[in-house]
PDB file of N, CA and C in Angstrom:
ATOM      1  N   MET A   1      95.818  90.224  94.797  1.00  0.00           N
ATOM      2  CA  MET A   1      94.489  90.731  94.590  1.00  0.00           C
ATOM      3  C   MET A   1      94.489  91.704  93.414  1.00  0.00           C
ATOM      4  N   LYS A   2      93.723  91.394  92.420  1.00  0.00           N
ATOM      5  CA  LYS A   2      93.625  92.253  91.239  1.00  0.00           C
ATOM      6  C   LYS A   2      92.350  93.085  91.338  1.00  0.00           C
ATOM      7  N   PHE A   3      92.371  94.226  90.672  1.00  0.00           N
ATOM      8  CA  PHE A   3      91.181  95.069  90.620  1.00  0.00           C
ATOM      9  C   PHE A   3      91.062  95.651  89.224  1.00  0.00           C
ATOM     10  N   SER A   4      89.835  96.011  88.862  1.00  0.00           N
ATOM     11  CA  SER A   4      89.565  96.503  87.513  1.00  0.00           C
ATOM     12  C   SER A   4      89.808  98.008  87.409  1.00  0.00           C
ATOM     13  N   LYS A   5      89.771  98.472  86.180  1.00  0.00           N
ATOM     14  CA  LYS A   5      89.933  99.904  85.921  1.00  0.00           C
ATOM     15  C   LYS A   5      88.827 100.701  86.611  1.00  0.00           C
ATOM     16  N   GLU A   6      87.628 100.138  86.620  1.00  0.00           N
ATOM     17  CA  GLU A   6      86.486 100.812  87.242  1.00  0.00           C
ATOM     18  C   GLU A   6      86.629 100.872  88.764  1.00  0.00           C
ATOM     19  N   GLU A   7      87.360  99.926  89.334  1.00  0.00           N
ATOM     20  CA  GLU A   7      87.521  99.864  90.783  1.00  0.00           C
ATOM     21  C   GLU A   7      88.716 100.678  91.290  1.00  0.00           C
ATOM     22  N   LYS A   8      89.535 101.173  90.381  1.00  0.00           N
ATOM     23  CA  LYS A   8      90.768 101.871  90.757  1.00  0.00           C
ATOM     24  C   LYS A   8      90.505 103.049  91.694  1.00  0.00           C
ATOM     25  N   ALA A   9      89.542 103.888  91.384  1.00  0.00           N
ATOM     26  CA  ALA A   9      89.260 105.060  92.224  1.00  0.00           C
ATOM     27  C   ALA A   9      88.870 104.631  93.637  1.00  0.00           C
ATOM     28  N   PHE A  10      88.075 103.573  93.739  1.00  0.00           N
ATOM     29  CA  PHE A  10      87.675 103.088  95.057  1.00  0.00           C
ATOM     30  C   PHE A  10      88.883 102.582  95.838  1.00  0.00           C
ATOM     31  N   VAL A  11      89.768 101.847  95.171  1.00  0.00           N
ATOM     32  CA  VAL A  11      90.967 101.312  95.823  1.00  0.00           C
ATOM     33  C   VAL A  11      91.829 102.459  96.354  1.00  0.00           C
ATOM     34  N   ILE A  12      92.021 103.485  95.545  1.00  0.00           N
ATOM     35  CA  ILE A  12      92.805 104.650  95.971  1.00  0.00           C
ATOM     36  C   ILE A  12      92.164 105.304  97.194  1.00  0.00           C
ATOM     37  N   GLN A  13      90.849 105.506  97.147  1.00  0.00           N
ATOM     38  CA  GLN A  13      90.149 106.126  98.273  1.00  0.00           C
ATOM     39  C   GLN A  13      90.246 105.257  99.523  1.00  0.00           C
ATOM     40  N   TRP A  14      90.123 103.950  99.345  1.00  0.00           N
ATOM     41  CA  TRP A  14      90.173 103.034 100.481  1.00  0.00           C
ATOM     42  C   TRP A  14      91.537 103.112 101.165  1.00  0.00           C
ATOM     43  N   ILE A  15      92.598 103.068 100.378  1.00  0.00           N
ATOM     44  CA  ILE A  15      93.948 103.131 100.950  1.00  0.00           C
ATOM     45  C   ILE A  15      94.174 104.476 101.638  1.00  0.00           C
ATOM     46  N   ASN A  16      93.767 105.570 101.001  1.00  0.00           N
ATOM     47  CA  ASN A  16      93.897 106.898 101.627  1.00  0.00           C
ATOM     48  C   ASN A  16      93.152 106.953 102.952  1.00  0.00           C
ATOM     49  N   ARG A  17      91.938 106.393 102.974  1.00  0.00           N
ATOM     50  CA  ARG A  17      91.115 106.389 104.184  1.00  0.00           C
ATOM     51  C   ARG A  17      91.794 105.575 105.298  1.00  0.00           C
ATOM     52  N   GLN A  18      92.423 104.467 104.933  1.00  0.00           N
ATOM     53  CA  GLN A  18      93.112 103.651 105.935  1.00  0.00           C
ATOM     54  C   GLN A  18      94.262 104.427 106.571  1.00  0.00           C
ATOM     55  N   PHE A  19      95.028 105.126 105.749  1.00  0.00           N
ATOM     56  CA  PHE A  19      96.127 105.934 106.288  1.00  0.00           C
ATOM     57  C   PHE A  19      95.595 107.034 107.204  1.00  0.00           C
ATOM     58  N   GLU A  20      94.443 107.625 106.853  1.00  0.00           N
ATOM     59  CA  GLU A  20      93.876 108.717 107.649  1.00  0.00           C
ATOM     60  C   GLU A  20      93.344 108.240 108.992  1.00  0.00           C
ATOM     61  N   LYS A  21      92.681 107.096 109.023  1.00  0.00           N
ATOM     62  CA  LYS A  21      91.978 106.695 110.236  1.00  0.00           C
ATOM     63  C   LYS A  21      92.697 105.642 111.074  1.00  0.00           C
ATOM     64  N   ASN A  22      93.723 104.994 110.525  1.00  0.00           N
ATOM     65  CA  ASN A  22      94.378 103.910 111.238  1.00  0.00           C
ATOM     66  C   ASN A  22      95.895 104.116 111.263  1.00  0.00           C
ATOM     67  N   PRO A  23      96.437 104.537 112.396  1.00  0.00           N
ATOM     68  CA  PRO A  23      97.883 104.779 112.456  1.00  0.00           C
ATOM     69  C   PRO A  23      98.709 103.501 112.289  1.00  0.00           C
ATOM     70  N   LEU A  24      98.088 102.340 112.434  1.00  0.00           N
ATOM     71  CA  LEU A  24      98.801 101.073 112.300  1.00  0.00           C
ATOM     72  C   LEU A  24      98.638 100.451 110.915  1.00  0.00           C
ATOM     73  N   PHE A  25      98.181 101.236 109.946  1.00  0.00           N
ATOM     74  CA  PHE A  25      98.057 100.749 108.567  1.00  0.00           C
ATOM     75  C   PHE A  25      99.331 101.083 107.817  1.00  0.00           C
ATOM     76  N   PRO A  26      99.843 100.182 107.032  1.00  0.00           N
ATOM     77  CA  PRO A  26      99.448  98.788 106.847  1.00  0.00           C
ATOM     78  C   PRO A  26      99.905  97.921 108.020  1.00  0.00           C
ATOM     79  N   SER A  27      99.082  96.942 108.346  1.00  0.00           N
ATOM     80  CA  SER A  27      99.344  96.128 109.539  1.00  0.00           C
ATOM     81  C   SER A  27     100.590  95.266 109.404  1.00  0.00           C
ATOM     82  N   LYS A  28     101.074  95.094 108.194  1.00  0.00           N
ATOM     83  CA  LYS A  28     102.323  94.355 107.961  1.00  0.00           C
ATOM     84  C   LYS A  28     103.496  95.016 108.691  1.00  0.00           C
ATOM     85  N   CYS A  29     103.415  96.316 108.915  1.00  0.00           N
ATOM     86  CA  CYS A  29     104.519  97.086 109.504  1.00  0.00           C
ATOM     87  C   CYS A  29     104.451  97.186 111.024  1.00  0.00           C
ATOM     88  N   VAL A  30     103.402  96.671 111.636  1.00  0.00           N
ATOM     89  CA  VAL A  30     103.205  96.821 113.077  1.00  0.00           C
ATOM     90  C   VAL A  30     104.312  96.098 113.847  1.00  0.00           C
ATOM     91  N   VAL A  31     104.829  96.772 114.848  1.00  0.00           N
ATOM     92  CA  VAL A  31     105.804  96.168 115.762  1.00  0.00           C
ATOM     93  C   VAL A  31     105.226  96.229 117.170  1.00  0.00           C
ATOM     94  N   GLU A  32     105.660  95.318 118.005  1.00  0.00           N
ATOM     95  CA  GLU A  32     105.189  95.325 119.387  1.00  0.00           C
ATOM     96  C   GLU A  32     106.118  96.165 120.250  1.00  0.00           C
ATOM     97  N   ASP A  33     105.498  96.991 121.095  1.00  0.00           N
ATOM     98  CA  ASP A  33     106.269  97.769 122.063  1.00  0.00           C
ATOM     99  C   ASP A  33     106.790  96.831 123.153  1.00  0.00           C
ATOM    100  N   LYS A  34     107.569  97.375 124.058  1.00  0.00           N
ATOM    101  CA  LYS A  34     108.128  96.568 125.154  1.00  0.00           C
ATOM    102  C   LYS A  34     107.044  95.906 125.987  1.00  0.00           C
ATOM    103  N   ASP A  35     105.911  96.589 126.109  1.00  0.00           N
ATOM    104  CA  ASP A  35     104.822  96.027 126.906  1.00  0.00           C
ATOM    105  C   ASP A  35     103.892  95.132 126.086  1.00  0.00           C
ATOM    106  N   GLY A  36     104.221  94.882 124.824  1.00  0.00           N
ATOM    107  CA  GLY A  36     103.441  93.964 123.997  1.00  0.00           C
ATOM    108  C   GLY A  36     102.320  94.602 123.202  1.00  0.00           C
ATOM    109  N   THR A  37     102.146  95.911 123.336  1.00  0.00           N
ATOM    110  CA  THR A  37     101.095  96.572 122.558  1.00  0.00           C
ATOM    111  C   THR A  37     101.616  96.898 121.156  1.00  0.00           C
ATOM    112  N   PRO A  38     100.734  96.848 120.170  1.00  0.00           N
ATOM    113  CA  PRO A  38     101.169  97.154 118.800  1.00  0.00           C
ATOM    114  C   PRO A  38     101.549  98.621 118.659  1.00  0.00           C
ATOM    115  N   GLY A  39     102.566  98.873 117.858  1.00  0.00           N
ATOM    116  CA  GLY A  39     103.025 100.243 117.677  1.00  0.00           C
ATOM    117  C   GLY A  39     103.455 100.529 116.251  1.00  0.00           C
ATOM    118  N   VAL A  40     103.688 101.794 115.990  1.00  0.00           N
ATOM    119  CA  VAL A  40     104.089 102.264 114.670  1.00  0.00           C
ATOM    120  C   VAL A  40     105.591 102.044 114.495  1.00  0.00           C
ATOM    121  N   SER A  41     105.988 101.727 113.261  1.00  0.00           N
ATOM    122  CA  SER A  41     107.402 101.493 112.966  1.00  0.00           C
ATOM    123  C   SER A  41     107.860 102.368 111.805  1.00  0.00           C
ATOM    124  N   LYS A  42     109.149 102.290 111.502  1.00  0.00           N
ATOM    125  CA  LYS A  42     109.676 102.997 110.336  1.00  0.00           C
ATOM    126  C   LYS A  42     109.033 102.465 109.059  1.00  0.00           C
ATOM    127  N   GLY A  43     108.600 101.225 109.093  1.00  0.00           N
ATOM    128  CA  GLY A  43     107.923 100.637 107.942  1.00  0.00           C
ATOM    129  C   GLY A  43     106.668 101.401 107.564  1.00  0.00           C
ATOM    130  N   HIS A  44     105.955 101.912 108.573  1.00  0.00           N
ATOM    131  CA  HIS A  44     104.754 102.701 108.297  1.00  0.00           C
ATOM    132  C   HIS A  44     105.106 103.964 107.520  1.00  0.00           C
ATOM    133  N   VAL A  45     106.196 104.592 107.915  1.00  0.00           N
ATOM    134  CA  VAL A  45     106.637 105.810 107.227  1.00  0.00           C
ATOM    135  C   VAL A  45     107.033 105.479 105.791  1.00  0.00           C
ATOM    136  N   LYS A  46     107.772 104.388 105.617  1.00  0.00           N
ATOM    137  CA  LYS A  46     108.178 103.973 104.271  1.00  0.00           C
ATOM    138  C   LYS A  46     106.966 103.632 103.411  1.00  0.00           C
ATOM    139  N   ALA A  47     105.988 102.951 103.999  1.00  0.00           N
ATOM    140  CA  ALA A  47     104.780 102.592 103.252  1.00  0.00           C
ATOM    141  C   ALA A  47     104.033 103.851 102.820  1.00  0.00           C
ATOM    142  N   TYR A  48     103.918 104.822 103.735  1.00  0.00           N
ATOM    143  CA  TYR A  48     103.212 106.062 103.407  1.00  0.00           C
ATOM    144  C   TYR A  48     103.957 106.858 102.341  1.00  0.00           C
ATOM    145  N   LYS A  49     105.271 106.950 102.480  1.00  0.00           N
ATOM    146  CA  LYS A  49     106.061 107.668 101.470  1.00  0.00           C
ATOM    147  C   LYS A  49     105.933 106.978 100.119  1.00  0.00           C
ATOM    148  N   GLY A  50     105.988 105.654 100.137  1.00  0.00           N
ATOM    149  CA  GLY A  50     105.830 104.900  98.897  1.00  0.00           C
ATOM    150  C   GLY A  50     104.474 105.137  98.270  1.00  0.00           C
ATOM    151  N   TRP A  51     103.427 105.166  99.109  1.00  0.00           N
ATOM    152  CA  TRP A  51     102.075 105.407  98.604  1.00  0.00           C
ATOM    153  C   TRP A  51     101.965 106.819  98.035  1.00  0.00           C
ATOM    154  N   SER A  52     102.555 107.778  98.721  1.00  0.00           N
ATOM    155  CA  SER A  52     102.501 109.170  98.265  1.00  0.00           C
ATOM    156  C   SER A  52     103.158 109.354  96.903  1.00  0.00           C
ATOM    157  N   LYS A  53     104.155 108.534  96.612  1.00  0.00           N
ATOM    158  CA  LYS A  53     104.869 108.632  95.339  1.00  0.00           C
ATOM    159  C   LYS A  53     104.300 107.714  94.262  1.00  0.00           C
ATOM    160  N   THR A  54     103.305 106.913  94.611  1.00  0.00           N
ATOM    161  CA  THR A  54     102.729 105.969  93.654  1.00  0.00           C
ATOM    162  C   THR A  54     101.857 106.709  92.649  1.00  0.00           C
ATOM    163  N   ALA A  55     102.126 106.494  91.386  1.00  0.00           N
ATOM    164  CA  ALA A  55     101.320 107.103  90.319  1.00  0.00           C
ATOM    165  C   ALA A  55      99.946 106.439  90.300  1.00  0.00           C
ATOM    166  N   PRO A  56      98.915 107.173  89.877  1.00  0.00           N
ATOM    167  CA  PRO A  56      97.567 106.599  89.861  1.00  0.00           C
ATOM    168  C   PRO A  56      97.338 105.647  88.678  1.00  0.00           C
ATOM    169  N   LYS A  57      98.265 104.735  88.490  1.00  0.00           N
ATOM    170  CA  LYS A  57      98.136 103.708  87.455  1.00  0.00           C
ATOM    171  C   LYS A  57      97.891 102.385  88.159  1.00  0.00           C
ATOM    172  N   ARG A  58      97.020 101.576  87.562  1.00  0.00           N
ATOM    173  CA  ARG A  58      96.688 100.304  88.202  1.00  0.00           C
ATOM    174  C   ARG A  58      97.925  99.469  88.494  1.00  0.00           C
ATOM    175  N   SER A  59      98.844  99.404  87.545  1.00  0.00           N
ATOM    176  CA  SER A  59     100.028  98.557  87.734  1.00  0.00           C
ATOM    177  C   SER A  59     100.857  99.027  88.926  1.00  0.00           C
ATOM    178  N   GLN A  60     101.005 100.330  89.088  1.00  0.00           N
ATOM    179  CA  GLN A  60     101.802 100.846  90.204  1.00  0.00           C
ATOM    180  C   GLN A  60     101.066 100.716  91.531  1.00  0.00           C
ATOM    181  N   ILE A  61      99.756 100.891  91.502  1.00  0.00           N
ATOM    182  CA  ILE A  61      98.956 100.680  92.716  1.00  0.00           C
ATOM    183  C   ILE A  61      99.043  99.213  93.120  1.00  0.00           C
ATOM    184  N   GLN A  62      98.943  98.326  92.130  1.00  0.00           N
ATOM    185  CA  GLN A  62      99.039  96.889  92.384  1.00  0.00           C
ATOM    186  C   GLN A  62     100.398  96.529  92.982  1.00  0.00           C
ATOM    187  N   ASP A  63     101.457  97.121  92.448  1.00  0.00           N
ATOM    188  CA  ASP A  63     102.801  96.875  92.984  1.00  0.00           C
ATOM    189  C   ASP A  63     102.890  97.310  94.447  1.00  0.00           C
ATOM    190  N   TRP A  64     102.304  98.466  94.770  1.00  0.00           N
ATOM    191  CA  TRP A  64     102.327  98.949  96.150  1.00  0.00           C
ATOM    192  C   TRP A  64     101.555  97.984  97.051  1.00  0.00           C
ATOM    193  N   ILE A  65     100.384  97.550  96.596  1.00  0.00           N
ATOM    194  CA  ILE A  65      99.574  96.602  97.372  1.00  0.00           C
ATOM    195  C   ILE A  65     100.366  95.319  97.621  1.00  0.00           C
ATOM    196  N   ASP A  66     101.002  94.800  96.571  1.00  0.00           N
ATOM    197  CA  ASP A  66     101.771  93.559  96.699  1.00  0.00           C
ATOM    198  C   ASP A  66     102.927  93.705  97.687  1.00  0.00           C
ATOM    199  N   GLU A  67     103.525  94.876  97.715  1.00  0.00           N
ATOM    200  CA  GLU A  67     104.667  95.097  98.600  1.00  0.00           C
ATOM    201  C   GLU A  67     104.262  95.339 100.051  1.00  0.00           C
ATOM    202  N   TRP A  68     103.182  96.085 100.285  1.00  0.00           N
ATOM    203  CA  TRP A  68     102.897  96.575 101.630  1.00  0.00           C
ATOM    204  C   TRP A  68     101.714  95.946 102.344  1.00  0.00           C
ATOM    205  N   LEU A  69     100.752  95.387 101.637  1.00  0.00           N
ATOM    206  CA  LEU A  69      99.575  94.855 102.333  1.00  0.00           C
ATOM    207  C   LEU A  69      99.734  93.370 102.628  1.00  0.00           C
ATOM    208  N   ASN A  70      99.427  92.989 103.861  1.00  0.00           N
ATOM    209  CA  ASN A  70      99.453  91.577 104.209  1.00  0.00           C
ATOM    210  C   ASN A  70      98.092  90.952 103.898  1.00  0.00           C
ATOM    211  N   LYS A  71      97.929  89.681 104.232  1.00  0.00           N
ATOM    212  CA  LYS A  71      96.686  88.974 103.901  1.00  0.00           C
ATOM    213  C   LYS A  71      95.459  89.649 104.512  1.00  0.00           C
ATOM    214  N   ALA A  72      95.580  90.078 105.755  1.00  0.00           N
ATOM    215  CA  ALA A  72      94.437  90.692 106.443  1.00  0.00           C
ATOM    216  C   ALA A  72      94.019  91.997 105.760  1.00  0.00           C
ATOM    217  N   ASP A  73      94.996  92.828 105.404  1.00  0.00           N
ATOM    218  CA  ASP A  73      94.682  94.094 104.729  1.00  0.00           C
ATOM    219  C   ASP A  73      94.088  93.841 103.346  1.00  0.00           C
ATOM    220  N   ARG A  74      94.645  92.878 102.633  1.00  0.00           N
ATOM    221  CA  ARG A  74      94.120  92.551 101.297  1.00  0.00           C
ATOM    222  C   ARG A  74      92.699  92.020 101.382  1.00  0.00           C
ATOM    223  N   LYS A  75      92.451  91.203 102.405  1.00  0.00           N
ATOM    224  CA  LYS A  75      91.101  90.667 102.594  1.00  0.00           C
ATOM    225  C   LYS A  75      90.120  91.801 102.882  1.00  0.00           C
ATOM    226  N   ALA A  76      90.519  92.739 103.728  1.00  0.00           N
ATOM    227  CA  ALA A  76      89.652  93.880 104.053  1.00  0.00           C
ATOM    228  C   ALA A  76      89.362  94.714 102.806  1.00  0.00           C
ATOM    229  N   LEU A  77      90.381  94.937 101.990  1.00  0.00           N
ATOM    230  CA  LEU A  77      90.194  95.690 100.750  1.00  0.00           C
ATOM    231  C   LEU A  77      89.267  94.938  99.801  1.00  0.00           C
ATOM    232  N   LYS A  78      89.478  93.644  99.667  1.00  0.00           N
ATOM    233  CA  LYS A  78      88.641  92.831  98.780  1.00  0.00           C
ATOM    234  C   LYS A  78      87.185  92.848  99.240  1.00  0.00           C
ATOM    235  N   GLU A  79      86.963  92.712 100.540  1.00  0.00           N
ATOM    236  CA  GLU A  79      85.599  92.745 101.079  1.00  0.00           C
ATOM    237  C   GLU A  79      84.957  94.108 100.853  1.00  0.00           C
ATOM    238  N   ALA A  80      85.728  95.165 101.010  1.00  0.00           N
ATOM    239  CA  ALA A  80      85.197  96.511 100.767  1.00  0.00           C
ATOM    240  C   ALA A  80      84.826  96.676  99.296  1.00  0.00           C
ATOM    241  N   LEU A  81      85.658  96.145  98.408  1.00  0.00           N
ATOM    242  CA  LEU A  81      85.360  96.210  96.970  1.00  0.00           C
ATOM    243  C   LEU A  81      84.092  95.446  96.641  1.00  0.00           C
ATOM    244  N   GLU A  82      83.956  94.256  97.224  1.00  0.00           N
ATOM    245  CA  GLU A  82      82.791  93.423  96.941  1.00  0.00           C
ATOM    246  C   GLU A  82      81.508  94.022  97.491  1.00  0.00           C
ATOM    247  N   SER A  83      81.603  94.811  98.546  1.00  0.00           N
ATOM    248  CA  SER A  83      80.404  95.408  99.136  1.00  0.00           C
ATOM    249  C   SER A  83      79.941  96.653  98.382  1.00  0.00           C
ATOM    250  N   GLN A  84      80.770  97.154  97.469  1.00  0.00           N
ATOM    251  CA  GLN A  84      80.402  98.330  96.677  1.00  0.00           C
ATOM    252  C   GLN A  84      79.405  97.943  95.601  1.00  0.00           C
ATOM    253  N   PRO A  85      78.396  98.768  95.367  1.00  0.00           N
ATOM    254  CA  PRO A  85      77.470  98.474  94.264  1.00  0.00           C
ATOM    255  C   PRO A  85      78.186  98.614  92.933  1.00  0.00           C
ATOM    256  N   LYS A  86      77.819  97.762  92.007  1.00  0.00           N
ATOM    257  CA  LYS A  86      78.395  97.846  90.662  1.00  0.00           C
ATOM    258  C   LYS A  86      77.863  99.099  89.989  1.00  0.00           C
ATOM    259  N   VAL A  87      78.576  99.599  88.991  1.00  0.00           N
ATOM    260  CA  VAL A  87      78.207 100.840  88.302  1.00  0.00           C
ATOM    261  C   VAL A  87      76.794 100.744  87.755  1.00  0.00           C
ATOM    262  N   SER A  88      76.441  99.601  87.189  1.00  0.00           N
ATOM    263  CA  SER A  88      75.112  99.453  86.595  1.00  0.00           C
ATOM    264  C   SER A  88      74.018  99.411  87.653  1.00  0.00           C
ATOM    265  N   GLU A  89      74.386  99.113  88.913  1.00  0.00           N
ATOM    266  CA  GLU A  89      73.406  99.031  89.987  1.00  0.00           C
ATOM    267  C   GLU A  89      73.160 100.372  90.670  1.00  0.00           C
ATOM    268  N   GLU A  90      73.974 101.361  90.378  1.00  0.00           N
ATOM    269  CA  GLU A  90      73.848 102.637  91.066  1.00  0.00           C
ATOM    270  C   GLU A  90      72.716 103.465  90.468  1.00  0.00           C
ATOM    271  N   PRO A  91      71.686 103.779  91.252  1.00  0.00           N
ATOM    272  CA  PRO A  91      70.576 104.580  90.738  1.00  0.00           C
ATOM    273  C   PRO A  91      71.009 105.982  90.322  1.00  0.00           C
ATOM    274  N   ALA A  92      71.996 106.546  90.992  1.00  0.00           N
ATOM    275  CA  ALA A  92      72.448 107.894  90.639  1.00  0.00           C
ATOM    276  C   ALA A  92      73.026 107.922  89.233  1.00  0.00           C
ATOM    277  N   ALA A  93      73.726 106.880  88.857  1.00  0.00           N
ATOM    278  CA  ALA A  93      74.299 106.814  87.510  1.00  0.00           C
ATOM    279  C   ALA A  93      73.192 106.713  86.469  1.00  0.00           C
ATOM    280  N   GLU A  94      72.173 105.917  86.770  1.00  0.00           N
ATOM    281  CA  GLU A  94      71.052 105.790  85.841  1.00  0.00           C
ATOM    282  C   GLU A  94      70.302 107.112  85.720  1.00  0.00           C
ATOM    283  N   ALA A  95      70.125 107.810  86.831  1.00  0.00           N
ATOM    284  CA  ALA A  95      69.435 109.095  86.802  1.00  0.00           C
ATOM    285  C   ALA A  95      70.227 110.114  85.991  1.00  0.00           C
ATOM    286  N   ALA A  96      71.538 110.075  86.094  1.00  0.00           N
ATOM    287  CA  ALA A  96      72.379 110.998  85.330  1.00  0.00           C
ATOM    288  C   ALA A  96      72.243 110.738  83.839  1.00  0.00           C
ATOM    289  N   VAL A  97      72.138 109.481  83.466  1.00  0.00           N
ATOM    290  CA  VAL A  97      71.963 109.132  82.051  1.00  0.00           C
ATOM    291  C   VAL A  97      70.619 109.646  81.560  1.00  0.00           C
ATOM    292  N   GLU A  98      69.576 109.451  82.362  1.00  0.00           N
ATOM    293  CA  GLU A  98      68.246 109.920  81.981  1.00  0.00           C
ATOM    294  C   GLU A  98      68.225 111.441  81.855  1.00  0.00           C
ATOM    295  N   THR A  99      68.858 112.139  82.777  1.00  0.00           N
ATOM    296  CA  THR A  99      68.902 113.597  82.744  1.00  0.00           C
ATOM    297  C   THR A  99      69.614 114.088  81.496  1.00  0.00           C
ATOM    298  N   SER A 100      70.718 113.434  81.142  1.00  0.00           N
ATOM    299  CA  SER A 100      71.461 113.867  79.959  1.00  0.00           C
ATOM    300  C   SER A 100      70.671 113.584  78.686  1.00  0.00           C
ATOM    301  N   LYS A 101      69.866 112.528  78.680  1.00  0.00           N
ATOM    302  CA  LYS A 101      69.034 112.233  77.512  1.00  0.00           C
ATOM    303  C   LYS A 101      67.965 113.313  77.341  1.00  0.00           C
ATOM    304  N   GLU A 102      67.390 113.724  78.478  1.00  0.00           N
ATOM    305  CA  GLU A 102      66.349 114.741  78.428  1.00  0.00           C
ATOM    306  C   GLU A 102      66.919 116.084  77.984  1.00  0.00           C
ATOM    307  N   ALA A 103      68.130 116.396  78.406  1.00  0.00           N
ATOM    308  CA  ALA A 103      68.752 117.669  78.059  1.00  0.00           C
ATOM    309  C   ALA A 103      69.144 117.717  76.589  1.00  0.00           C
ATOM    310  N   GLY A 104      69.500 116.568  76.010  1.00  0.00           N
ATOM    311  CA  GLY A 104      69.994 116.533  74.629  1.00  0.00           C
ATOM    312  C   GLY A 104      68.937 116.222  73.682  1.00  0.00           C
TER     313      GLY A 104
END
């Protein structure tokens, strides 16, 4: 899954949000407990440490995604990206441009 320069900030926020709200993220690392329930593994710790050390460059973010996200996580990220309004569609951005024109 590739993403653009404009989408980079959203991708970073999305991944951070997943780590904050979902202890089983990335789902590639999930292991089953003795009773069959999903649980956290050492892989989760490695994924988080790897993410924490990832530079905010698209290539390095992409490498982390390729290494740690499975199909389900990538699909969720892609759907979240697609549901975001494009920069040109955001009324706040247009209002900011109008305000700066009036000020200058």
